Structure formats: C-alpha cells, structure tokens
Amino acid sequence: MPDYRKFQVSVNGRAEFAAFLSNLTDREMKQRIDETLDLLKERPDAGDLVKHELWPEAYRKLGLDNMFRIEVGKARE
C-alpha cells in the first residue's frame, strides 16, 4: 500500500454535496460521511476502482485518471 503521508491530500466535493451534508439531520450518517472523508484524506485510493466504461458521462468529461467508489453504509434501524 502506498504511503500518502508525504503528500498533501485534499478532499473536495461539489456545492450540492456541501449543501446536502450541512443540512443532514441524521447524526449517525453525518458521522459516517465525515469518517469516510477523513479516510480518503489518508488513503485517496480507498474503495473500489470503477472501470472507465462505467463512469457517468459527466465524469468522463472531467479528464480524470481514475475513480473509486466507497460505500458509506445505511443508517441502522
């Protein structure tokens, strides 16, 4: 596993995601999302690599090299 500590990694999201997160009332889900964002800062390659042909069209236009999918999970009932 690569050591990403020597890099300064930032995790960014779209304005829609920031609005969603700030308005989220489910504390448990918000905590899991925050923990996932912290994980991504430490390991940007966490999650499952998504094959390029499965990317939504909007993401193909961004000129990305790769895309990973990470499941945050559902709230417990």
N, C-alpha and C. Protein backbone atom coordinates (compact mmCIF):
# COMPACT_ATOMS: atom_id res chain seq x y z
N MET A 1 0.84 -1.17 0.00
CA MET A 1 0.00 0.00 0.00
C MET A 1 0.89 1.24 0.00
N PRO A 2 0.61 2.20 -0.88
CA PRO A 2 1.41 3.42 -0.94
C PRO A 2 1.28 4.25 0.34
N ASP A 3 2.33 4.97 0.67
CA ASP A 3 2.32 5.86 1.83
C ASP A 3 2.01 7.28 1.34
N TYR A 4 0.81 7.75 1.63
CA TYR A 4 0.37 9.06 1.16
C TYR A 4 0.70 10.18 2.14
N ARG A 5 1.33 9.87 3.27
CA ARG A 5 1.61 10.90 4.27
C ARG A 5 2.53 11.99 3.74
N LYS A 6 3.36 11.66 2.76
CA LYS A 6 4.29 12.67 2.23
C LYS A 6 3.59 13.66 1.28
N PHE A 7 2.35 13.35 0.91
CA PHE A 7 1.59 14.22 0.03
C PHE A 7 0.57 15.02 0.82
N GLN A 8 0.26 16.19 0.35
CA GLN A 8 -0.81 16.96 0.96
C GLN A 8 -2.07 16.66 0.15
N VAL A 9 -2.96 15.87 0.73
CA VAL A 9 -4.15 15.41 0.04
C VAL A 9 -5.36 16.21 0.53
N SER A 10 -6.12 16.74 -0.40
CA SER A 10 -7.36 17.41 -0.03
C SER A 10 -8.52 16.64 -0.65
N VAL A 11 -9.64 16.66 0.04
CA VAL A 11 -10.84 16.01 -0.44
C VAL A 11 -11.86 17.11 -0.70
N ASN A 12 -12.34 17.18 -1.92
CA ASN A 12 -13.27 18.23 -2.31
C ASN A 12 -14.57 17.62 -2.81
N GLY A 13 -15.61 18.38 -2.69
CA GLY A 13 -16.91 17.95 -3.19
C GLY A 13 -17.60 19.11 -3.88
N ARG A 14 -18.66 18.79 -4.56
CA ARG A 14 -19.43 19.82 -5.24
C ARG A 14 -20.27 20.61 -4.24
N ALA A 15 -20.72 21.77 -4.64
CA ALA A 15 -21.55 22.62 -3.77
C ALA A 15 -22.82 21.89 -3.35
N GLU A 16 -23.36 21.08 -4.24
CA GLU A 16 -24.58 20.32 -3.90
C GLU A 16 -24.32 19.34 -2.76
N PHE A 17 -23.14 18.74 -2.76
CA PHE A 17 -22.80 17.81 -1.68
C PHE A 17 -22.61 18.57 -0.37
N ALA A 18 -21.95 19.70 -0.42
CA ALA A 18 -21.74 20.51 0.78
C ALA A 18 -23.08 20.93 1.38
N ALA A 19 -24.03 21.32 0.52
CA ALA A 19 -25.36 21.70 1.00
C ALA A 19 -26.06 20.49 1.61
N PHE A 20 -25.97 19.34 0.95
CA PHE A 20 -26.57 18.12 1.48
C PHE A 20 -26.00 17.79 2.85
N LEU A 21 -24.67 17.83 2.98
CA LEU A 21 -24.02 17.48 4.23
C LEU A 21 -24.36 18.45 5.35
N SER A 22 -24.40 19.72 5.05
CA SER A 22 -24.70 20.70 6.09
C SER A 22 -26.16 20.64 6.54
N ASN A 23 -27.05 20.16 5.69
CA ASN A 23 -28.47 20.05 6.05
C ASN A 23 -28.86 18.66 6.54
N LEU A 24 -27.91 17.76 6.60
CA LEU A 24 -28.19 16.39 7.01
C LEU A 24 -28.55 16.35 8.50
N THR A 25 -29.69 15.78 8.83
CA THR A 25 -30.14 15.71 10.22
C THR A 25 -29.82 14.38 10.87
N ASP A 26 -29.52 13.37 10.08
CA ASP A 26 -29.17 12.06 10.61
C ASP A 26 -27.73 12.10 11.12
N ARG A 27 -27.56 12.21 12.43
CA ARG A 27 -26.23 12.37 13.03
C ARG A 27 -25.31 11.18 12.71
N GLU A 28 -25.87 9.98 12.76
CA GLU A 28 -25.07 8.79 12.51
C GLU A 28 -24.54 8.78 11.07
N MET A 29 -25.39 9.13 10.12
CA MET A 29 -24.96 9.18 8.72
C MET A 29 -23.92 10.27 8.52
N LYS A 30 -24.14 11.43 9.13
CA LYS A 30 -23.17 12.53 9.01
C LYS A 30 -21.82 12.10 9.57
N GLN A 31 -21.83 11.39 10.70
CA GLN A 31 -20.58 10.92 11.29
C GLN A 31 -19.88 9.93 10.36
N ARG A 32 -20.63 9.01 9.76
CA ARG A 32 -20.03 8.05 8.83
C ARG A 32 -19.45 8.74 7.61
N ILE A 33 -20.14 9.76 7.11
CA ILE A 33 -19.61 10.51 5.96
C ILE A 33 -18.33 11.23 6.35
N ASP A 34 -18.32 11.87 7.52
CA ASP A 34 -17.11 12.57 7.99
C ASP A 34 -15.94 11.59 8.15
N GLU A 35 -16.21 10.40 8.70
CA GLU A 35 -15.17 9.39 8.86
C GLU A 35 -14.65 8.92 7.50
N THR A 36 -15.54 8.80 6.54
CA THR A 36 -15.14 8.39 5.19
C THR A 36 -14.28 9.47 4.55
N LEU A 37 -14.63 10.72 4.72
CA LEU A 37 -13.83 11.82 4.18
C LEU A 37 -12.44 11.83 4.81
N ASP A 38 -12.36 11.57 6.13
CA ASP A 38 -11.06 11.50 6.79
C ASP A 38 -10.24 10.34 6.24
N LEU A 39 -10.89 9.19 6.02
CA LEU A 39 -10.19 8.04 5.43
C LEU A 39 -9.63 8.39 4.06
N LEU A 40 -10.41 9.09 3.25
CA LEU A 40 -9.95 9.46 1.91
C LEU A 40 -8.76 10.41 1.94
N LYS A 41 -8.67 11.23 2.98
CA LYS A 41 -7.51 12.12 3.12
C LYS A 41 -6.25 11.31 3.39
N GLU A 42 -6.40 10.19 4.10
CA GLU A 42 -5.25 9.33 4.40
C GLU A 42 -4.96 8.37 3.26
N ARG A 43 -6.01 7.86 2.63
CA ARG A 43 -5.87 6.87 1.56
C ARG A 43 -6.77 7.24 0.39
N PRO A 44 -6.31 8.08 -0.51
CA PRO A 44 -7.13 8.51 -1.64
C PRO A 44 -7.59 7.38 -2.55
N ASP A 45 -6.94 6.22 -2.45
CA ASP A 45 -7.31 5.09 -3.29
C ASP A 45 -8.20 4.09 -2.55
N ALA A 46 -8.78 4.50 -1.43
CA ALA A 46 -9.68 3.61 -0.69
C ALA A 46 -10.94 3.36 -1.52
N GLY A 47 -11.49 2.21 -1.39
CA GLY A 47 -12.70 1.88 -2.13
C GLY A 47 -12.41 0.99 -3.32
N ASP A 48 -13.41 0.88 -4.16
CA ASP A 48 -13.33 0.01 -5.34
C ASP A 48 -13.07 0.83 -6.60
N LEU A 49 -12.07 0.42 -7.38
CA LEU A 49 -11.78 1.10 -8.63
C LEU A 49 -12.93 0.87 -9.61
N VAL A 50 -13.43 1.95 -10.20
CA VAL A 50 -14.53 1.88 -11.15
C VAL A 50 -13.96 1.85 -12.56
N LYS A 51 -14.35 0.86 -13.34
CA LYS A 51 -13.89 0.78 -14.73
C LYS A 51 -14.37 2.00 -15.50
N HIS A 52 -13.51 2.52 -16.35
CA HIS A 52 -13.79 3.76 -17.08
C HIS A 52 -15.10 3.68 -17.86
N GLU A 53 -15.40 2.54 -18.44
CA GLU A 53 -16.62 2.41 -19.25
C GLU A 53 -17.89 2.49 -18.39
N LEU A 54 -17.76 2.40 -17.08
CA LEU A 54 -18.92 2.50 -16.20
C LEU A 54 -19.14 3.91 -15.65
N TRP A 55 -18.21 4.83 -15.95
CA TRP A 55 -18.33 6.19 -15.45
C TRP A 55 -19.53 6.90 -16.09
N PRO A 56 -20.26 7.70 -15.31
CA PRO A 56 -21.30 8.55 -15.91
C PRO A 56 -20.66 9.55 -16.89
N GLU A 57 -21.38 9.92 -17.89
CA GLU A 57 -20.86 10.82 -18.94
C GLU A 57 -20.28 12.11 -18.36
N ALA A 58 -20.93 12.66 -17.36
CA ALA A 58 -20.46 13.93 -16.77
C ALA A 58 -19.05 13.79 -16.20
N TYR A 59 -18.71 12.62 -15.65
CA TYR A 59 -17.38 12.42 -15.08
C TYR A 59 -16.34 12.14 -16.15
N ARG A 60 -16.73 11.56 -17.26
CA ARG A 60 -15.78 11.30 -18.34
C ARG A 60 -15.22 12.60 -18.90
N LYS A 61 -16.02 13.65 -18.88
CA LYS A 61 -15.61 14.94 -19.43
C LYS A 61 -14.64 15.70 -18.52
N LEU A 62 -14.43 15.23 -17.30
CA LEU A 62 -13.59 15.96 -16.34
C LEU A 62 -12.10 15.70 -16.51
N GLY A 63 -11.74 14.74 -17.35
CA GLY A 63 -10.33 14.44 -17.56
C GLY A 63 -9.68 13.73 -16.38
N LEU A 64 -10.44 12.94 -15.65
CA LEU A 64 -9.90 12.21 -14.51
C LEU A 64 -9.09 11.00 -14.97
N ASP A 65 -8.13 10.60 -14.17
CA ASP A 65 -7.34 9.41 -14.46
C ASP A 65 -8.00 8.14 -13.92
N ASN A 66 -8.67 8.28 -12.79
CA ASN A 66 -9.30 7.13 -12.17
C ASN A 66 -10.46 7.59 -11.29
N MET A 67 -11.26 6.62 -10.88
CA MET A 67 -12.39 6.91 -10.00
C MET A 67 -12.58 5.71 -9.08
N PHE A 68 -12.79 6.00 -7.81
CA PHE A 68 -13.03 4.96 -6.83
C PHE A 68 -14.41 5.15 -6.22
N ARG A 69 -15.05 4.04 -5.88
CA ARG A 69 -16.36 4.05 -5.24
C ARG A 69 -16.17 3.52 -3.82
N ILE A 70 -16.73 4.25 -2.87
CA ILE A 70 -16.64 3.81 -1.49
C ILE A 70 -18.04 3.87 -0.88
N GLU A 71 -18.43 2.79 -0.23
CA GLU A 71 -19.77 2.72 0.35
C GLU A 71 -19.73 3.24 1.77
N VAL A 72 -20.59 4.19 2.05
CA VAL A 72 -20.66 4.79 3.38
C VAL A 72 -21.53 3.92 4.28
N GLY A 73 -22.56 3.34 3.74
CA GLY A 73 -23.44 2.48 4.51
C GLY A 73 -24.76 3.14 4.80
N LYS A 74 -25.69 2.33 5.27
CA LYS A 74 -27.04 2.81 5.59
C LYS A 74 -27.16 2.99 7.08
N ALA A 75 -28.10 3.84 7.46
CA ALA A 75 -28.36 4.06 8.88
C ALA A 75 -28.94 2.78 9.49
N ARG A 76 -28.57 2.52 10.72
CA ARG A 76 -29.13 1.37 11.42
C ARG A 76 -30.54 1.68 11.86
N GLU A 77 -31.38 0.68 11.83
CA GLU A 77 -32.78 0.89 12.22
C GLU A 77 -33.08 0.15 13.49
